[in-house]
Amino acid sequence: MTAQDLELLRKIPRRRKIQLRGQIRAHTARFIIGKLKRMGRSDKPIRLNIHSRGGDYLPALEICDAIAKSRAPVYAVASLAASSA
């Protein structure tokens, strides 16, 4: 990650940040995917903060798919990530 990337992450407004905390389950994935779809309609960057010990595999892959389909660039920042996170 370059100094420019770090500066960009610091400048992303609060309303463009998503918090992923706790176990990744189907209901968690639906919530995150919904937010990614709404925010992903524009080309402004999104910051996804991850603090998770893992969870279910398929919901995690669904989140990955939503990130890949997002029109906006998504920067994932993990403070704790294990297993599927």
Protein backbone atom coordinates (compact mmCIF):
# COMPACT_ATOMS: atom_id res chain seq x y z
CA MET A 1 0.00 0.00 0.00
CA THR A 2 1.44 3.34 -1.02
CA ALA A 3 1.38 6.62 0.85
CA GLN A 4 -1.22 7.85 -1.67
CA ASP A 5 -3.47 4.88 -0.85
CA LEU A 6 -3.21 5.59 2.87
CA GLU A 7 -4.04 9.24 2.31
CA LEU A 8 -7.06 8.25 0.20
CA LEU A 9 -8.29 5.92 2.96
CA ARG A 10 -8.06 8.73 5.51
CA LYS A 11 -10.08 11.06 3.29
CA ILE A 12 -13.03 8.71 2.66
CA PRO A 13 -16.06 10.31 4.37
CA ARG A 14 -17.82 8.47 7.19
CA ARG A 15 -20.95 7.92 5.08
CA ARG A 16 -18.81 5.90 2.61
CA LYS A 17 -17.54 3.47 5.27
CA ILE A 18 -18.97 0.04 6.10
CA GLN A 19 -18.23 -1.83 9.33
CA LEU A 20 -18.07 -5.63 9.22
CA ARG A 21 -17.84 -6.90 12.78
CA GLY A 22 -18.36 -10.33 14.29
CA GLN A 23 -19.06 -13.64 12.62
CA ILE A 24 -19.94 -13.64 8.93
CA ARG A 25 -23.38 -15.21 8.60
CA ALA A 26 -26.12 -15.01 5.96
CA HIS A 27 -27.86 -12.06 7.67
CA THR A 28 -24.52 -10.22 8.02
CA ALA A 29 -23.75 -10.79 4.34
CA ARG A 30 -27.19 -9.49 3.26
CA PHE A 31 -26.62 -6.32 5.29
CA ILE A 32 -23.11 -5.72 3.88
CA ILE A 33 -24.15 -6.56 0.32
CA GLY A 34 -27.12 -4.17 0.54
CA LYS A 35 -24.84 -1.35 1.66
CA LEU A 36 -22.30 -2.16 -1.06
CA LYS A 37 -25.03 -2.10 -3.72
CA ARG A 38 -26.38 1.25 -2.55
CA MET A 39 -22.96 2.85 -2.24
CA GLY A 40 -21.61 1.14 -5.36
CA ARG A 41 -23.92 3.07 -7.66
CA SER A 42 -21.45 5.94 -7.72
CA ASP A 43 -17.75 5.84 -8.46
CA LYS A 44 -16.71 7.31 -5.10
CA PRO A 45 -14.50 4.96 -3.05
CA ILE A 46 -15.85 2.80 -0.23
CA ARG A 47 -13.91 1.73 2.84
CA LEU A 48 -14.84 -1.67 4.28
CA ASN A 49 -13.50 -2.08 7.82
CA ILE A 50 -13.29 -5.77 8.79
CA HIS A 51 -13.08 -7.01 12.36
CA SER A 52 -14.15 -10.65 12.17
CA ARG A 53 -12.98 -14.03 13.39
CA GLY A 54 -14.50 -15.62 10.29
CA GLY A 55 -17.79 -17.37 9.84
CA ASP A 56 -19.65 -19.13 7.06
CA TYR A 57 -17.88 -19.65 3.77
CA LEU A 58 -20.68 -18.99 1.25
CA PRO A 59 -21.85 -15.67 2.74
CA ALA A 60 -18.21 -14.51 2.72
CA LEU A 61 -17.96 -15.37 -0.98
CA GLU A 62 -21.20 -13.47 -1.65
CA ILE A 63 -19.62 -10.39 -0.06
CA CYS A 64 -16.54 -10.88 -2.27
CA ASP A 65 -18.79 -11.05 -5.34
CA ALA A 66 -20.55 -7.82 -4.32
CA ILE A 67 -17.18 -6.10 -3.92
CA ALA A 68 -16.10 -7.30 -7.37
CA LYS A 69 -19.35 -6.05 -8.95
CA SER A 70 -19.22 -2.65 -7.28
CA ARG A 71 -18.73 0.28 -9.63
CA ALA A 72 -16.98 2.11 -6.81
CA PRO A 73 -13.51 1.02 -5.71
CA VAL A 74 -13.71 -0.85 -2.39
CA TYR A 75 -10.79 -0.67 0.04
CA ALA A 76 -10.94 -3.44 2.64
CA VAL A 77 -9.04 -2.72 5.85
CA ALA A 78 -8.77 -5.62 8.30
CA SER A 79 -8.01 -5.07 11.97
CA LEU A 80 -8.84 -8.71 12.71
CA ALA A 81 -9.59 -11.25 10.01
CA ALA A 82 -9.50 -15.01 10.29
CA SER A 83 -10.89 -17.93 8.37
CA SER A 84 -13.48 -16.74 5.82
CA ALA A 85 -13.02 -13.05 6.65
